[in-house]
Each structure stands twice: as C-alpha cells, then as structure tokens.
Amino acid sequence: MLAIARGLMAEPELLLLDEISAGLSPLLVCELYERLREFNQQQGVTILLVEQSAKLGIDTSNRAYVLNQGRIALSGNRDELIRNPELKRAYFGMAE
C-alpha cells in the first residue's frame, strides 16, 4: 500500500499495479479496490492492473484482457466479459 501511495504522489497519468491483493485480508482488498475505482473516476488516471483473481480484476475494470499461457485469450469491456460463457467456464467454474 505504501508503494501505491508513493506512485500516486507523483500525480501519474498511468499507474501500473501488479497483484495488489497478494497477502492482504479480504476486507482490506475490498477497501483498496474501492479506493482505486474512486481515484480513477475522480482523477482520470489510467490504471493498468495485473490481477490473478479474474473476478476481482474484471469487476474493477472498464476494459480487461484475460491471458492464458502468455497470450490474450479474451478481451472486452467489463460487461462483455462477465457475460462471456467461455470466461465463466474457464475462470469461474460456471456453465452457461
């Protein structure tokens, strides 16, 4: 969280974040992602987020790219991906 704060102090146009939920309690993860959404909306800063939790990453994003073995397997806006049956099967264990 300190690294995120340091990055934000530089008033970036683009903020790169990698696995920010790693090692944090679920409550803290929810709070952190909510603050990032607010920051994105209020300040207009683009956030490039790498997140292993597909649901968390997609729920937070405006646009997402899902990688499979280093290649883009799916891409689209949040609503397109949430409705995508391939994503549901592969990452959420759900059948359409």
Protein backbone atom coordinates (compact mmCIF):
# COMPACT_ATOMS: atom_id res chain seq x y z
CA MET A 1 0.00 0.00 0.00
CA LEU A 2 2.95 2.29 0.62
CA ALA A 3 4.16 1.71 -2.94
CA ILE A 4 0.73 2.68 -4.28
CA ALA A 5 0.75 5.85 -2.19
CA ARG A 6 4.23 6.74 -3.45
CA GLY A 7 3.08 6.21 -7.02
CA LEU A 8 0.02 8.40 -6.54
CA MET A 9 2.09 11.22 -5.06
CA ALA A 10 3.82 11.59 -8.44
CA GLU A 11 0.42 12.54 -9.98
CA PRO A 12 0.78 9.98 -12.78
CA GLU A 13 -1.27 9.76 -15.96
CA LEU A 14 -0.80 5.97 -15.87
CA LEU A 15 -0.46 3.86 -12.73
CA LEU A 16 0.88 0.29 -13.13
CA LEU A 17 -0.12 -2.14 -10.38
CA ASP A 18 0.82 -5.82 -10.07
CA GLU A 19 -1.03 -8.25 -7.76
CA ILE A 20 -2.00 -5.63 -5.21
CA SER A 21 -4.30 -8.04 -3.39
CA ALA A 22 -1.50 -10.50 -2.57
CA GLY A 23 -1.11 -11.00 1.17
CA LEU A 24 -3.92 -8.66 2.20
CA SER A 25 -7.03 -9.54 4.17
CA PRO A 26 -10.24 -9.77 2.12
CA LEU A 27 -11.65 -6.70 3.89
CA LEU A 28 -8.56 -4.66 3.06
CA VAL A 29 -8.61 -5.86 -0.56
CA CYS A 30 -12.22 -4.64 -0.95
CA GLU A 31 -11.32 -1.28 0.54
CA LEU A 32 -8.23 -0.91 -1.64
CA TYR A 33 -10.09 -1.69 -4.85
CA GLU A 34 -12.89 0.69 -3.95
CA ARG A 35 -10.35 3.49 -3.40
CA LEU A 36 -8.69 2.73 -6.74
CA ARG A 37 -12.07 2.94 -8.52
CA GLU A 38 -12.75 6.28 -6.87
CA PHE A 39 -9.29 7.57 -7.76
CA ASN A 40 -9.72 6.51 -11.38
CA GLN A 41 -13.11 8.21 -11.65
CA GLN A 42 -12.20 11.41 -9.81
CA GLN A 43 -8.67 11.98 -11.13
CA GLY A 44 -8.96 10.34 -14.54
CA VAL A 45 -5.75 8.36 -14.03
CA THR A 46 -5.50 5.24 -16.17
CA ILE A 47 -4.72 2.17 -14.08
CA LEU A 48 -3.10 -0.89 -15.62
CA LEU A 49 -3.77 -3.69 -13.17
CA VAL A 50 -2.37 -7.22 -13.21
CA GLU A 51 -4.51 -9.44 -11.00
CA GLN A 52 -4.63 -13.22 -10.72
CA SER A 53 -8.19 -13.16 -9.40
CA ALA A 54 -10.19 -12.89 -12.64
CA LYS A 55 -13.41 -11.88 -10.89
CA LEU A 56 -11.76 -9.14 -8.84
CA GLY A 57 -9.84 -7.78 -11.82
CA ILE A 58 -12.82 -7.78 -14.18
CA ASP A 59 -15.23 -6.37 -11.60
CA THR A 60 -12.85 -3.45 -11.11
CA SER A 61 -12.03 -2.76 -14.74
CA ASN A 62 -13.51 -0.76 -17.55
CA ARG A 63 -11.70 -2.97 -20.06
CA ALA A 64 -9.86 -6.24 -19.46
CA TYR A 65 -7.56 -8.66 -21.20
CA VAL A 66 -7.54 -12.25 -19.98
CA LEU A 67 -4.25 -14.04 -20.58
CA ASN A 68 -3.81 -17.77 -20.94
CA GLN A 69 -0.23 -19.03 -21.12
CA GLY A 70 1.04 -15.57 -22.03
CA ARG A 71 -1.45 -14.95 -24.85
CA ILE A 72 -4.59 -12.85 -24.91
CA ALA A 73 -7.43 -15.36 -24.67
CA LEU A 74 -10.28 -12.88 -24.20
CA SER A 75 -10.69 -9.14 -24.19
CA GLY A 76 -13.51 -6.66 -23.89
CA ASN A 77 -15.27 -4.32 -21.55
CA ARG A 78 -16.44 -5.50 -18.15
CA ASP A 79 -19.99 -6.28 -19.23
CA GLU A 80 -18.92 -8.25 -22.31
CA LEU A 81 -16.52 -10.39 -20.33
CA ILE A 82 -18.88 -11.03 -17.44
CA ARG A 83 -21.46 -12.38 -19.91
CA ASN A 84 -18.90 -14.43 -21.87
CA PRO A 85 -19.64 -18.16 -21.38
CA GLU A 86 -16.02 -19.11 -22.11
CA LEU A 87 -14.79 -16.92 -19.26
CA LYS A 88 -17.44 -18.29 -16.91
CA ARG A 89 -16.38 -21.87 -17.64
CA ALA A 90 -12.64 -21.30 -17.56
CA TYR A 91 -12.26 -18.96 -14.60
CA PHE A 92 -15.41 -19.12 -12.54
CA GLY A 93 -16.22 -22.82 -12.93
CA MET A 94 -19.72 -22.00 -14.15
CA ALA A 95 -21.61 -23.47 -17.08
CA GLU A 96 -23.85 -21.23 -19.16
